[in-house]
Structure formats: C-alpha cells, structure tokens
C-alpha cells in the first residue's frame, strides 16, 4: 500500500489540546483547498510515494507515542484510515487533522479527529462539509482560525448554534501575524464563549515558515 507523503518529522504538538507533547507528524501531500493564509502550501502538490511499511518504520524510530496525520488534506487519500488503524494497532495515539471538506466517518473510532472549520477570510468557508459536525465524537476537536472581527462573529454564530450542548472541544486561534491575540481573547471573554484559545506555539519557537517543526 502506497501513500503520497509531503514530509515526516518529529517535533512537539504546536496546537490542539495536545499542545506541547512530543509528536510524530505524517504530512500527506495534496489538498483540495487554497486557503489565503495557508502555511503549508508546499503540501498542496505531489510528494514522495512511500509504502505503509516504510512510514510505520520511520514513526517507530521516532520513539513517540503521539502521532498526527495531517496535510494538505489527508482524507483525500483513501489509504489514510488504513494508516491510522495500523498506527493504533501498534499502540499509538493518533490525531488526524482535516479541513472539514471530506467525510470524517471513514476514520477509525479511536482516532482523535481535529476538524478545521474554515472561516470566511480563508476564501474556502463555502466548501465546509457541515454534516461532519454530527459525526464528531466527544473525544474530537474543532478549530477556527480567526483573521478579523468578521471571522470571529461568523465562528461565534456557528459555535453557539452547534456546540452549546455538544461535548466536543472547540479551539480558536489567530492567523499568525494578522490580528493581535489579545483582541480575540477580549472578544471571547466578553461573549463568554465556552472555547479554548490557543496559540500555534511552534511558530513562536521557530521562525513561522520553518518546515519540519
């Protein structure tokens, strides 16, 4: 079985509720979106074809329990659920970060799905697969990346409508360098939204365009 891989690396988890933990990353190549502020545009195009066995061997050598499969958009490759299941069978905790445009129900039950709901400033919010919201498990997470006040108000409406009583972690962060974090934090506190604010800490540890971190 072959997957098209943009990069494999070991770092720390830079966001989500797993932030700060050592993590191995499998960044799969190919994406169906072209977000305005994309920070991994190199993963939009074809990468290196690798066998499942080669990927699993590399992950094993990294020596980390936590593994994230990301992209690009990992669910464009039909082999992704098989990779996730193989990692789970080897005792790994597996996260899959998806842009929310593909059916997340294909993933194994034990996967923690991190679904990115694209805000209007991304230019891709109209492509969201909204029925995915009802397929999220209590262990899954949803994130919104905010660029301006309009993004925030749009996300706030979706959160209030869909996540008030749904036991899913909701994360809000900012587009790096576009809006002061304190602005978004002030809005969250004013509106009493039951969400977790996060910074992409890897962009503060390393230059924000650094690959493999």
N, C-alpha and C. Protein backbone atom coordinates (compact mmCIF):
# COMPACT_ATOMS: atom_id res chain seq x y z
N UNK A 1 0.83 -1.19 0.00
CA UNK A 1 0.00 0.00 0.00
C UNK A 1 0.87 1.25 0.00
N UNK A 2 0.55 2.20 -0.86
CA UNK A 2 1.36 3.40 -1.05
C UNK A 2 0.58 4.65 -0.67
N UNK A 3 1.26 5.56 0.04
CA UNK A 3 0.70 6.89 0.32
C UNK A 3 1.65 7.93 -0.23
N UNK A 4 1.08 9.07 -0.61
CA UNK A 4 1.89 10.17 -1.11
C UNK A 4 2.17 11.13 0.04
N UNK A 5 3.45 11.24 0.42
CA UNK A 5 3.85 11.93 1.65
C UNK A 5 4.63 13.20 1.32
N UNK A 6 4.24 14.29 1.94
CA UNK A 6 4.97 15.54 1.79
C UNK A 6 6.20 15.57 2.71
N UNK A 7 6.01 15.16 3.97
CA UNK A 7 7.12 15.11 4.91
C UNK A 7 6.76 14.28 6.13
N UNK A 8 7.79 13.72 6.74
CA UNK A 8 7.70 13.03 8.03
C UNK A 8 8.69 13.69 8.96
N UNK A 9 8.26 13.97 10.19
CA UNK A 9 9.19 14.59 11.12
C UNK A 9 8.71 14.40 12.55
N UNK A 10 9.60 14.64 13.49
CA UNK A 10 9.28 14.58 14.92
C UNK A 10 9.48 15.98 15.49
N UNK A 11 8.49 16.43 16.25
CA UNK A 11 8.56 17.76 16.85
C UNK A 11 7.72 17.73 18.12
N UNK A 12 7.21 18.90 18.50
CA UNK A 12 6.19 18.95 19.53
C UNK A 12 4.88 19.33 18.87
N UNK A 13 3.79 18.95 19.51
CA UNK A 13 2.48 19.33 19.00
C UNK A 13 2.29 20.82 19.27
N UNK A 14 2.06 21.59 18.21
CA UNK A 14 2.02 23.04 18.33
C UNK A 14 0.67 23.62 18.66
N UNK A 15 -0.39 22.82 18.55
CA UNK A 15 -1.73 23.32 18.84
C UNK A 15 -2.62 22.15 19.25
N UNK A 16 -3.90 22.42 19.44
CA UNK A 16 -4.90 21.46 19.92
C UNK A 16 -4.74 21.24 21.42
N UNK A 17 -5.57 20.37 21.99
CA UNK A 17 -5.46 20.12 23.42
C UNK A 17 -4.24 19.27 23.76
N UNK A 18 -3.51 18.81 22.74
CA UNK A 18 -2.29 18.04 22.94
C UNK A 18 -1.04 18.91 22.83
N UNK A 19 -1.21 20.21 22.85
CA UNK A 19 -0.12 21.15 22.64
C UNK A 19 1.03 20.88 23.62
N UNK A 20 2.23 20.92 23.08
CA UNK A 20 3.43 20.78 23.92
C UNK A 20 3.98 19.38 24.01
N UNK A 21 3.19 18.37 23.66
CA UNK A 21 3.67 16.99 23.75
C UNK A 21 4.54 16.63 22.54
N UNK A 22 5.57 15.80 22.76
CA UNK A 22 6.32 15.27 21.61
C UNK A 22 5.38 14.52 20.67
N UNK A 23 5.58 14.72 19.38
CA UNK A 23 4.63 14.16 18.41
C UNK A 23 5.35 13.86 17.10
N UNK A 24 5.02 12.74 16.51
CA UNK A 24 5.50 12.43 15.16
C UNK A 24 4.42 12.86 14.16
N UNK A 25 4.84 13.48 13.08
CA UNK A 25 3.90 14.00 12.09
C UNK A 25 4.07 13.28 10.76
N UNK A 26 2.94 12.87 10.20
CA UNK A 26 2.89 12.35 8.84
C UNK A 26 2.09 13.37 8.03
N UNK A 27 2.81 14.18 7.25
CA UNK A 27 2.12 15.19 6.44
C UNK A 27 1.93 14.62 5.04
N UNK A 28 0.67 14.30 4.74
CA UNK A 28 0.36 13.74 3.43
C UNK A 28 0.21 14.86 2.40
N UNK A 29 0.54 14.54 1.16
CA UNK A 29 0.54 15.54 0.08
C UNK A 29 -0.83 15.63 -0.58
N UNK A 30 -1.12 16.80 -1.10
CA UNK A 30 -2.35 17.03 -1.84
C UNK A 30 -3.40 17.73 -1.00
N UNK A 31 -4.03 18.76 -1.59
CA UNK A 31 -5.10 19.47 -0.89
C UNK A 31 -6.10 19.98 -1.91
N UNK A 32 -7.37 19.93 -1.53
CA UNK A 32 -8.44 20.40 -2.41
C UNK A 32 -8.80 21.86 -2.16
N UNK A 33 -8.16 22.50 -1.17
CA UNK A 33 -8.42 23.91 -0.88
C UNK A 33 -7.18 24.75 -1.16
N UNK A 34 -7.40 26.06 -1.28
CA UNK A 34 -6.30 27.00 -1.45
C UNK A 34 -6.56 28.20 -0.51
N UNK A 35 -6.42 27.94 0.77
CA UNK A 35 -6.69 28.98 1.76
C UNK A 35 -5.73 30.15 1.59
N UNK A 36 -6.25 31.34 1.75
CA UNK A 36 -5.46 32.54 1.53
C UNK A 36 -4.20 32.58 2.37
N UNK A 37 -4.29 32.12 3.61
CA UNK A 37 -3.18 32.23 4.55
C UNK A 37 -2.46 30.89 4.78
N UNK A 38 -2.60 29.95 3.86
CA UNK A 38 -2.03 28.62 4.05
C UNK A 38 -0.55 28.69 4.39
N UNK A 39 -0.15 27.98 5.46
CA UNK A 39 1.26 27.99 5.87
C UNK A 39 1.97 26.70 5.49
N UNK A 40 1.29 25.82 4.74
CA UNK A 40 1.93 24.60 4.25
C UNK A 40 1.60 24.40 2.77
N UNK A 41 1.72 25.47 2.00
CA UNK A 41 1.36 25.39 0.58
C UNK A 41 2.20 24.38 -0.18
N UNK A 42 3.40 24.08 0.34
CA UNK A 42 4.25 23.08 -0.31
C UNK A 42 3.61 21.69 -0.29
N UNK A 43 2.65 21.47 0.61
CA UNK A 43 1.99 20.17 0.71
C UNK A 43 0.78 20.06 -0.22
N UNK A 44 0.49 21.12 -0.97
CA UNK A 44 -0.66 21.09 -1.86
C UNK A 44 -0.40 20.21 -3.09
N UNK A 45 0.87 20.06 -3.44
CA UNK A 45 1.23 19.31 -4.64
C UNK A 45 1.85 17.97 -4.25
N UNK A 46 2.16 17.18 -5.25
CA UNK A 46 2.60 15.81 -5.04
C UNK A 46 3.89 15.74 -4.22
N UNK A 47 3.98 14.72 -3.38
CA UNK A 47 5.16 14.49 -2.57
C UNK A 47 5.86 13.21 -2.99
N UNK A 48 6.33 12.46 -2.02
CA UNK A 48 7.07 11.22 -2.27
C UNK A 48 6.16 10.03 -1.97
N UNK A 49 6.12 9.08 -2.90
CA UNK A 49 5.35 7.86 -2.67
C UNK A 49 6.11 6.97 -1.68
N UNK A 50 5.42 6.58 -0.61
CA UNK A 50 6.03 5.74 0.42
C UNK A 50 5.08 4.60 0.75
N UNK A 51 5.67 3.44 1.02
CA UNK A 51 4.85 2.30 1.43
C UNK A 51 4.40 2.47 2.87
N UNK A 52 3.32 1.80 3.20
CA UNK A 52 2.83 1.82 4.58
C UNK A 52 3.92 1.33 5.53
N UNK A 53 4.62 0.28 5.14
CA UNK A 53 5.66 -0.28 6.00
C UNK A 53 6.78 0.72 6.25
N UNK A 54 7.15 1.49 5.23
CA UNK A 54 8.22 2.48 5.39
C UNK A 54 7.80 3.59 6.35
N UNK A 55 6.56 4.03 6.23
CA UNK A 55 6.07 5.07 7.13
C UNK A 55 6.05 4.57 8.56
N UNK A 56 5.52 3.37 8.77
CA UNK A 56 5.44 2.82 10.12
C UNK A 56 6.83 2.64 10.73
N UNK A 57 7.79 2.25 9.92
CA UNK A 57 9.16 2.08 10.42
C UNK A 57 9.75 3.42 10.86
N UNK A 58 9.53 4.46 10.05
CA UNK A 58 10.04 5.78 10.41
C UNK A 58 9.40 6.26 11.72
N UNK A 59 8.10 6.08 11.84
CA UNK A 59 7.40 6.51 13.05
C UNK A 59 7.93 5.75 14.26
N UNK A 60 8.14 4.46 14.09
CA UNK A 60 8.67 3.65 15.19
C UNK A 60 10.02 4.18 15.66
N UNK A 61 10.85 4.59 14.73
CA UNK A 61 12.19 5.09 15.06
C UNK A 61 12.15 6.43 15.79
N UNK A 62 11.07 7.19 15.61
CA UNK A 62 10.97 8.47 16.30
C UNK A 62 10.75 8.29 17.80
N UNK A 63 10.16 7.16 18.19
CA UNK A 63 10.02 6.88 19.61
C UNK A 63 8.98 7.72 20.34
N UNK A 64 7.95 8.18 19.63
CA UNK A 64 6.90 8.98 20.27
C UNK A 64 5.58 8.22 20.21
N UNK A 65 4.82 8.32 21.27
CA UNK A 65 3.52 7.65 21.29
C UNK A 65 2.49 8.41 20.46
N UNK A 66 2.55 9.74 20.51
CA UNK A 66 1.56 10.58 19.82
C UNK A 66 1.95 10.76 18.36
N UNK A 67 0.99 10.53 17.46
CA UNK A 67 1.23 10.69 16.01
C UNK A 67 0.08 11.49 15.42
N UNK A 68 0.43 12.49 14.61
CA UNK A 68 -0.61 13.23 13.88
C UNK A 68 -0.46 13.01 12.39
N UNK A 69 -1.57 12.67 11.75
CA UNK A 69 -1.64 12.60 10.29
C UNK A 69 -2.31 13.89 9.83
N UNK A 70 -1.61 14.63 8.99
CA UNK A 70 -2.10 15.94 8.57
C UNK A 70 -1.82 16.13 7.09
N UNK A 71 -1.91 17.36 6.60
CA UNK A 71 -1.70 17.60 5.18
C UNK A 71 -1.25 19.02 4.93
N UNK A 72 -1.58 19.50 3.76
CA UNK A 72 -2.58 19.05 2.80
C UNK A 72 -3.89 18.64 3.46
N UNK A 73 -4.60 17.81 2.74
CA UNK A 73 -5.83 17.22 3.28
C UNK A 73 -5.68 15.71 3.26
N UNK A 74 -5.44 15.10 4.44
CA UNK A 74 -5.13 13.68 4.48
C UNK A 74 -6.26 12.77 4.01
N UNK A 75 -7.52 13.20 4.12
CA UNK A 75 -8.61 12.32 3.74
C UNK A 75 -8.86 12.27 2.24
N UNK A 76 -8.07 13.00 1.46
CA UNK A 76 -8.12 12.83 0.00
C UNK A 76 -7.50 11.51 -0.41
N UNK A 77 -6.66 10.94 0.45
CA UNK A 77 -6.03 9.66 0.15
C UNK A 77 -6.82 8.56 0.86
N UNK A 78 -7.36 7.62 0.08
CA UNK A 78 -8.24 6.60 0.65
C UNK A 78 -7.50 5.64 1.57
N UNK A 79 -6.17 5.67 1.53
CA UNK A 79 -5.38 4.81 2.40
C UNK A 79 -5.20 5.38 3.81
N UNK A 80 -5.59 6.63 4.01
CA UNK A 80 -5.37 7.28 5.31
C UNK A 80 -6.01 6.52 6.47
N UNK A 81 -7.26 6.08 6.39
CA UNK A 81 -7.83 5.31 7.50
C UNK A 81 -7.03 4.03 7.80
N UNK A 82 -6.48 3.42 6.76
CA UNK A 82 -5.68 2.20 6.96
C UNK A 82 -4.40 2.54 7.71
N UNK A 83 -3.75 3.64 7.34
CA UNK A 83 -2.56 4.09 8.06
C UNK A 83 -2.90 4.39 9.51
N UNK A 84 -3.99 5.09 9.74
CA UNK A 84 -4.39 5.43 11.11
C UNK A 84 -4.62 4.17 11.93
N UNK A 85 -5.30 3.21 11.35
CA UNK A 85 -5.58 1.97 12.08
C UNK A 85 -4.31 1.19 12.37
N UNK A 86 -3.37 1.17 11.42
CA UNK A 86 -2.11 0.47 11.63
C UNK A 86 -1.32 1.10 12.78
N UNK A 87 -1.35 2.42 12.87
CA UNK A 87 -0.67 3.10 13.97
C UNK A 87 -1.34 2.79 15.31
N UNK A 88 -2.66 2.78 15.31
CA UNK A 88 -3.40 2.45 16.54
C UNK A 88 -3.07 1.03 17.00
N UNK A 89 -3.02 0.12 16.06
CA UNK A 89 -2.71 -1.27 16.40
C UNK A 89 -1.31 -1.42 17.00
N UNK A 90 -0.43 -0.48 16.70
CA UNK A 90 0.93 -0.50 17.25
C UNK A 90 1.02 0.29 18.55
N UNK A 91 -0.11 0.70 19.08
CA UNK A 91 -0.16 1.33 20.38
C UNK A 91 -0.06 2.84 20.39
N UNK A 92 -0.11 3.49 19.23
CA UNK A 92 -0.01 4.94 19.15
C UNK A 92 -1.35 5.61 19.41
N UNK A 93 -1.29 6.81 19.98
CA UNK A 93 -2.46 7.68 19.99
C UNK A 93 -2.40 8.50 18.71
N UNK A 94 -3.47 8.48 17.94
CA UNK A 94 -3.45 9.05 16.60
C UNK A 94 -4.42 10.23 16.48
N UNK A 95 -3.89 11.34 16.00
CA UNK A 95 -4.68 12.52 15.66
C UNK A 95 -4.73 12.64 14.14
N UNK A 96 -5.87 13.02 13.61
CA UNK A 96 -5.97 13.33 12.19
C UNK A 96 -6.54 14.73 12.05
N UNK A 97 -5.76 15.62 11.45
CA UNK A 97 -6.23 16.99 11.23
C UNK A 97 -6.75 17.11 9.81
N UNK A 98 -8.00 17.55 9.69
CA UNK A 98 -8.66 17.62 8.40
C UNK A 98 -9.29 18.99 8.20
N UNK A 99 -9.43 19.39 6.94
CA UNK A 99 -10.01 20.71 6.66
C UNK A 99 -11.53 20.71 6.66
N UNK A 100 -12.14 19.57 6.98
CA UNK A 100 -13.58 19.53 7.15
C UNK A 100 -14.39 19.41 5.88
N UNK A 101 -13.74 19.14 4.75
CA UNK A 101 -14.47 19.03 3.49
C UNK A 101 -14.72 17.58 3.08
N UNK A 102 -14.10 16.64 3.79
CA UNK A 102 -14.24 15.22 3.47
C UNK A 102 -14.98 14.50 4.60
N UNK A 103 -15.54 13.35 4.29
CA UNK A 103 -16.31 12.57 5.25
C UNK A 103 -15.39 12.02 6.34
N UNK A 104 -15.56 12.49 7.58
CA UNK A 104 -14.68 12.07 8.66
C UNK A 104 -15.07 10.71 9.24
N UNK A 105 -16.24 10.19 8.86
CA UNK A 105 -16.70 8.92 9.43
C UNK A 105 -15.89 7.73 8.93
N UNK A 106 -15.03 7.93 7.93
CA UNK A 106 -14.20 6.83 7.43
C UNK A 106 -13.06 6.51 8.38
N UNK A 107 -12.80 7.38 9.36
CA UNK A 107 -11.67 7.19 10.26
C UNK A 107 -12.02 6.20 11.38
N UNK A 108 -11.02 5.46 11.87
CA UNK A 108 -11.27 4.55 12.99
C UNK A 108 -11.81 5.26 14.22
N UNK A 109 -12.58 4.56 15.00
CA UNK A 109 -13.23 5.13 16.18
C UNK A 109 -12.22 5.72 17.15
N UNK A 110 -11.05 5.12 17.27
CA UNK A 110 -10.07 5.56 18.27
C UNK A 110 -9.26 6.78 17.84
N UNK A 111 -9.41 7.21 16.60
CA UNK A 111 -8.72 8.41 16.12
C UNK A 111 -9.34 9.65 16.78
N UNK A 112 -8.49 10.60 17.16
CA UNK A 112 -8.96 11.93 17.55
C UNK A 112 -8.96 12.79 16.30
N UNK A 113 -10.14 13.12 15.83
CA UNK A 113 -10.27 13.97 14.64
C UNK A 113 -10.23 15.43 15.06
N UNK A 114 -9.38 16.21 14.40
CA UNK A 114 -9.31 17.65 14.63
C UNK A 114 -9.79 18.32 13.34
N UNK A 115 -11.00 18.82 13.39
CA UNK A 115 -11.65 19.37 12.19
C UNK A 115 -11.52 20.89 12.17
N UNK A 116 -10.90 21.38 11.12
CA UNK A 116 -10.71 22.81 10.92
C UNK A 116 -11.91 23.35 10.13
N UNK A 117 -12.72 24.18 10.77
CA UNK A 117 -13.83 24.83 10.07
C UNK A 117 -13.31 26.15 9.52
N UNK A 118 -13.22 26.24 8.21
CA UNK A 118 -12.60 27.39 7.57
C UNK A 118 -13.47 28.64 7.67
N UNK A 119 -12.89 29.71 8.17
CA UNK A 119 -13.59 30.99 8.31
C UNK A 119 -13.60 31.75 6.98
N UNK A 120 -14.46 32.76 6.84
CA UNK A 120 -14.60 33.46 5.56
C UNK A 120 -13.31 34.03 4.99
N UNK A 121 -12.40 34.53 5.85
CA UNK A 121 -11.18 35.14 5.32
C UNK A 121 -10.27 34.14 4.64
N UNK A 122 -10.50 32.87 4.88
CA UNK A 122 -9.69 31.84 4.21
C UNK A 122 -10.01 31.76 2.73
N UNK A 123 -11.23 32.20 2.37
CA UNK A 123 -11.69 32.07 0.99
C UNK A 123 -12.28 30.71 0.68
N UNK A 124 -12.37 29.83 1.70
CA UNK A 124 -12.81 28.46 1.47
C UNK A 124 -13.94 28.01 2.40
N UNK A 125 -14.56 28.93 3.12
CA UNK A 125 -15.59 28.53 4.09
C UNK A 125 -16.79 27.87 3.41
N UNK A 126 -17.03 28.19 2.16
CA UNK A 126 -18.19 27.63 1.45
C UNK A 126 -18.03 26.16 1.14
N UNK A 127 -16.82 25.62 1.30
CA UNK A 127 -16.57 24.21 0.99
C UNK A 127 -16.71 23.28 2.19
N UNK A 128 -17.06 23.83 3.35
CA UNK A 128 -17.20 23.01 4.55
C UNK A 128 -18.28 21.95 4.38
N UNK A 129 -17.98 20.75 4.82
CA UNK A 129 -18.96 19.65 4.81
C UNK A 129 -19.66 19.67 6.17
N UNK A 130 -20.77 20.38 6.25
CA UNK A 130 -21.39 20.67 7.54
C UNK A 130 -21.91 19.44 8.25
N UNK A 131 -22.27 18.40 7.51
CA UNK A 131 -22.78 17.19 8.16
C UNK A 131 -21.72 16.51 9.02
N UNK A 132 -20.44 16.87 8.82
CA UNK A 132 -19.39 16.31 9.66
C UNK A 132 -19.57 16.67 11.13
N UNK A 133 -20.19 17.81 11.39
CA UNK A 133 -20.39 18.24 12.79
C UNK A 133 -21.11 17.16 13.59
N UNK A 134 -22.06 16.48 12.96
CA UNK A 134 -22.85 15.48 13.67
C UNK A 134 -22.15 14.13 13.71
N UNK A 135 -21.00 14.04 13.05
CA UNK A 135 -20.21 12.80 13.10
C UNK A 135 -19.05 12.90 14.08
N UNK A 136 -18.89 14.06 14.70
CA UNK A 136 -17.81 14.24 15.67
C UNK A 136 -18.10 13.46 16.95
N UNK A 137 -17.05 12.85 17.50
CA UNK A 137 -17.14 12.12 18.76
C UNK A 137 -16.78 13.05 19.92
N UNK A 138 -17.14 12.70 21.15
CA UNK A 138 -16.77 13.54 22.30
C UNK A 138 -15.27 13.75 22.44
N UNK A 139 -14.48 12.83 21.92
CA UNK A 139 -13.03 12.96 22.01
C UNK A 139 -12.44 13.82 20.90
N UNK A 140 -13.25 14.24 19.93
CA UNK A 140 -12.76 15.01 18.79
C UNK A 140 -12.67 16.50 19.12
N UNK A 141 -12.07 17.25 18.20
CA UNK A 141 -11.87 18.68 18.40
C UNK A 141 -12.21 19.44 17.12
N UNK A 142 -12.67 20.67 17.31
CA UNK A 142 -12.96 21.57 16.19
C UNK A 142 -12.16 22.83 16.39
N UNK A 143 -11.60 23.37 15.30
CA UNK A 143 -10.85 24.62 15.45
C UNK A 143 -11.28 25.64 14.40
N UNK A 144 -11.22 26.90 14.82
CA UNK A 144 -11.46 28.05 13.96
C UNK A 144 -10.22 28.91 13.99
N UNK A 145 -9.74 29.33 12.82
CA UNK A 145 -8.58 30.23 12.74
C UNK A 145 -9.10 31.60 12.32
N UNK A 146 -8.89 32.58 13.19
CA UNK A 146 -9.50 33.90 13.05
C UNK A 146 -8.52 34.91 12.46
N UNK A 147 -9.00 35.66 11.46
CA UNK A 147 -8.18 36.70 10.85
C UNK A 147 -8.65 38.11 11.19
N UNK A 148 -9.95 38.25 11.47
CA UNK A 148 -10.51 39.59 11.72
C UNK A 148 -11.81 39.45 12.51
N UNK A 149 -12.44 40.56 12.79
CA UNK A 149 -13.68 40.57 13.57
C UNK A 149 -14.80 39.81 12.86
N UNK A 150 -14.86 39.92 11.55
CA UNK A 150 -15.90 39.21 10.80
C UNK A 150 -15.74 37.71 10.98
N UNK A 151 -14.52 37.21 10.88
CA UNK A 151 -14.27 35.79 11.12
C UNK A 151 -14.77 35.38 12.50
N UNK A 152 -14.45 36.22 13.49
CA UNK A 152 -14.83 35.90 14.87
C UNK A 152 -16.35 35.81 15.01
N UNK A 153 -17.06 36.79 14.49
CA UNK A 153 -18.52 36.80 14.64
C UNK A 153 -19.15 35.63 13.89
N UNK A 154 -18.59 35.28 12.75
CA UNK A 154 -19.06 34.12 11.98
C UNK A 154 -18.85 32.84 12.78
N UNK A 155 -17.65 32.68 13.35
CA UNK A 155 -17.35 31.50 14.15
C UNK A 155 -18.22 31.45 15.40
N UNK A 156 -18.42 32.60 16.03
CA UNK A 156 -19.26 32.67 17.23
C UNK A 156 -20.67 32.15 16.96
N UNK A 157 -21.23 32.53 15.82
CA UNK A 157 -22.57 32.05 15.48
C UNK A 157 -22.62 30.54 15.31
N UNK A 158 -21.62 29.99 14.66
CA UNK A 158 -21.57 28.53 14.46
C UNK A 158 -21.40 27.81 15.79
N UNK A 159 -20.54 28.35 16.64
CA UNK A 159 -20.30 27.73 17.95
C UNK A 159 -21.58 27.72 18.77
N UNK A 160 -22.26 28.85 18.83
CA UNK A 160 -23.49 28.94 19.63
C UNK A 160 -24.60 28.04 19.07
N UNK A 161 -24.65 27.92 17.77
CA UNK A 161 -25.72 27.12 17.16
C UNK A 161 -25.46 25.63 17.26
N UNK A 162 -24.18 25.23 17.17
CA UNK A 162 -23.87 23.81 17.01
C UNK A 162 -23.13 23.15 18.17
N UNK A 163 -22.48 23.95 19.01
CA UNK A 163 -21.61 23.34 20.01
C UNK A 163 -21.95 23.71 21.44
N UNK A 164 -23.12 24.32 21.65
CA UNK A 164 -23.51 24.68 23.01
C UNK A 164 -23.65 23.47 23.92
N UNK A 165 -24.28 22.41 23.42
CA UNK A 165 -24.52 21.22 24.22
C UNK A 165 -23.75 20.00 23.72
N UNK A 166 -22.95 20.17 22.68
CA UNK A 166 -22.21 19.05 22.11
C UNK A 166 -20.84 18.95 22.78
N UNK A 167 -20.53 17.78 23.31
CA UNK A 167 -19.31 17.61 24.09
C UNK A 167 -18.10 17.41 23.19
N UNK A 168 -17.73 18.46 22.48
CA UNK A 168 -16.56 18.47 21.61
C UNK A 168 -15.71 19.67 22.00
N UNK A 169 -14.40 19.49 22.07
CA UNK A 169 -13.52 20.61 22.36
C UNK A 169 -13.52 21.58 21.19
N UNK A 170 -13.74 22.86 21.47
CA UNK A 170 -13.72 23.90 20.43
C UNK A 170 -12.52 24.80 20.69
N UNK A 171 -11.71 24.98 19.66
CA UNK A 171 -10.47 25.74 19.75
C UNK A 171 -10.55 26.95 18.83
N UNK A 172 -10.03 28.07 19.30
CA UNK A 172 -9.92 29.27 18.46
C UNK A 172 -8.49 29.78 18.52
N UNK A 173 -7.95 30.06 17.35
CA UNK A 173 -6.61 30.64 17.26
C UNK A 173 -6.64 31.76 16.22
N UNK A 174 -5.51 32.40 16.02
CA UNK A 174 -5.44 33.52 15.08
C UNK A 174 -4.53 33.19 13.91
N UNK A 175 -4.81 33.82 12.77
CA UNK A 175 -3.88 33.75 11.64
C UNK A 175 -2.60 34.46 12.07
N UNK A 176 -1.49 33.79 12.00
CA UNK A 176 -0.23 34.32 12.53
C UNK A 176 0.10 35.66 11.87
N UNK A 177 0.28 36.69 12.71
CA UNK A 177 0.72 37.99 12.23
C UNK A 177 -0.37 38.89 11.68
N UNK A 178 -1.65 38.45 11.73
CA UNK A 178 -2.70 39.25 11.11
C UNK A 178 -3.60 39.97 12.11
N UNK A 179 -3.72 39.45 13.31
CA UNK A 179 -4.59 40.08 14.30
C UNK A 179 -3.99 39.84 15.69
N UNK A 180 -3.96 40.86 16.54
CA UNK A 180 -3.42 40.65 17.89
C UNK A 180 -4.23 39.62 18.66
N UNK A 181 -3.55 38.70 19.30
CA UNK A 181 -4.24 37.66 20.07
C UNK A 181 -5.12 38.27 21.16
N UNK A 182 -4.64 39.38 21.75
CA UNK A 182 -5.41 39.99 22.85
C UNK A 182 -6.78 40.45 22.39
N UNK A 183 -6.92 40.83 21.13
CA UNK A 183 -8.23 41.24 20.62
C UNK A 183 -9.22 40.08 20.68
N UNK A 184 -8.78 38.93 20.17
CA UNK A 184 -9.65 37.76 20.13
C UNK A 184 -9.97 37.28 21.55
N UNK A 185 -8.98 37.29 22.42
CA UNK A 185 -9.20 36.88 23.81
C UNK A 185 -10.24 37.80 24.46
N UNK A 186 -10.14 39.10 24.22
CA UNK A 186 -11.10 40.05 24.79
C UNK A 186 -12.52 39.75 24.29
N UNK A 187 -12.66 39.44 23.01
CA UNK A 187 -13.98 39.11 22.47
C UNK A 187 -14.53 37.83 23.09
N UNK A 188 -13.67 36.83 23.25
CA UNK A 188 -14.10 35.56 23.85
C UNK A 188 -14.59 35.76 25.28
N UNK A 189 -13.86 36.55 26.03
CA UNK A 189 -14.24 36.79 27.41
C UNK A 189 -15.53 37.60 27.49
N UNK A 190 -15.66 38.58 26.61
CA UNK A 190 -16.87 39.41 26.60
C UNK A 190 -18.10 38.58 26.28
N UNK A 191 -17.95 37.64 25.33
CA UNK A 191 -19.09 36.85 24.89
C UNK A 191 -19.27 35.57 25.69
N UNK A 192 -18.34 35.30 26.62
CA UNK A 192 -18.44 34.10 27.47
C UNK A 192 -18.56 32.82 26.64
N UNK A 193 -17.79 32.74 25.56
CA UNK A 193 -17.83 31.55 24.73
C UNK A 193 -17.10 30.40 25.42
N UNK A 194 -17.67 29.20 25.43
CA UNK A 194 -17.04 28.04 26.08
C UNK A 194 -16.03 27.36 25.17
N UNK A 195 -14.96 28.09 24.86
CA UNK A 195 -13.96 27.59 23.94
C UNK A 195 -12.56 27.72 24.55
N UNK A 196 -11.61 27.09 23.91
CA UNK A 196 -10.22 27.18 24.34
C UNK A 196 -9.45 28.03 23.35
N UNK A 197 -8.85 29.12 23.81
CA UNK A 197 -8.00 29.93 22.95
C UNK A 197 -6.63 29.27 22.89
N UNK A 198 -6.03 29.27 21.71
CA UNK A 198 -4.71 28.65 21.56
C UNK A 198 -3.82 29.47 20.65
N UNK A 199 -2.55 29.38 20.90
CA UNK A 199 -1.53 29.92 20.01
C UNK A 199 -0.83 28.76 19.32
N UNK A 200 -0.38 28.95 18.10
CA UNK A 200 0.42 27.93 17.42
C UNK A 200 1.86 28.08 17.94
N UNK A 201 2.17 27.36 19.01
CA UNK A 201 3.41 27.65 19.73
C UNK A 201 4.65 27.32 18.91
N UNK A 202 4.54 26.42 17.94
CA UNK A 202 5.72 26.13 17.12
C UNK A 202 6.16 27.34 16.31
N UNK A 203 5.22 28.26 16.02
CA UNK A 203 5.58 29.46 15.26
C UNK A 203 6.27 30.50 16.12
N UNK A 204 6.19 30.33 17.44
CA UNK A 204 6.88 31.22 18.36
C UNK A 204 8.23 30.64 18.79
N UNK A 205 8.37 29.34 18.65
CA UNK A 205 9.65 28.68 18.98
C UNK A 205 10.61 28.77 17.81
N UNK A 206 10.10 28.52 16.60
CA UNK A 206 10.90 28.58 15.39
C UNK A 206 10.34 29.66 14.45
N UNK A 207 11.14 30.18 13.52
CA UNK A 207 10.58 31.11 12.52
C UNK A 207 9.35 30.47 11.86
N UNK A 208 8.30 31.28 11.66
CA UNK A 208 6.99 30.71 11.34
C UNK A 208 6.92 29.99 10.01
N UNK A 209 7.91 30.18 9.14
CA UNK A 209 7.91 29.48 7.86
C UNK A 209 8.81 28.25 7.87
N UNK A 210 9.37 27.90 9.03
CA UNK A 210 10.26 26.76 9.13
C UNK A 210 9.50 25.47 8.90
N UNK A 211 10.04 24.59 8.05
CA UNK A 211 9.41 23.29 7.79
C UNK A 211 9.97 22.25 8.76
N UNK A 212 9.19 21.17 8.94
CA UNK A 212 9.66 20.06 9.75
C UNK A 212 9.65 20.34 11.23
N UNK A 213 8.79 21.27 11.68
CA UNK A 213 8.66 21.55 13.11
C UNK A 213 7.20 21.52 13.53
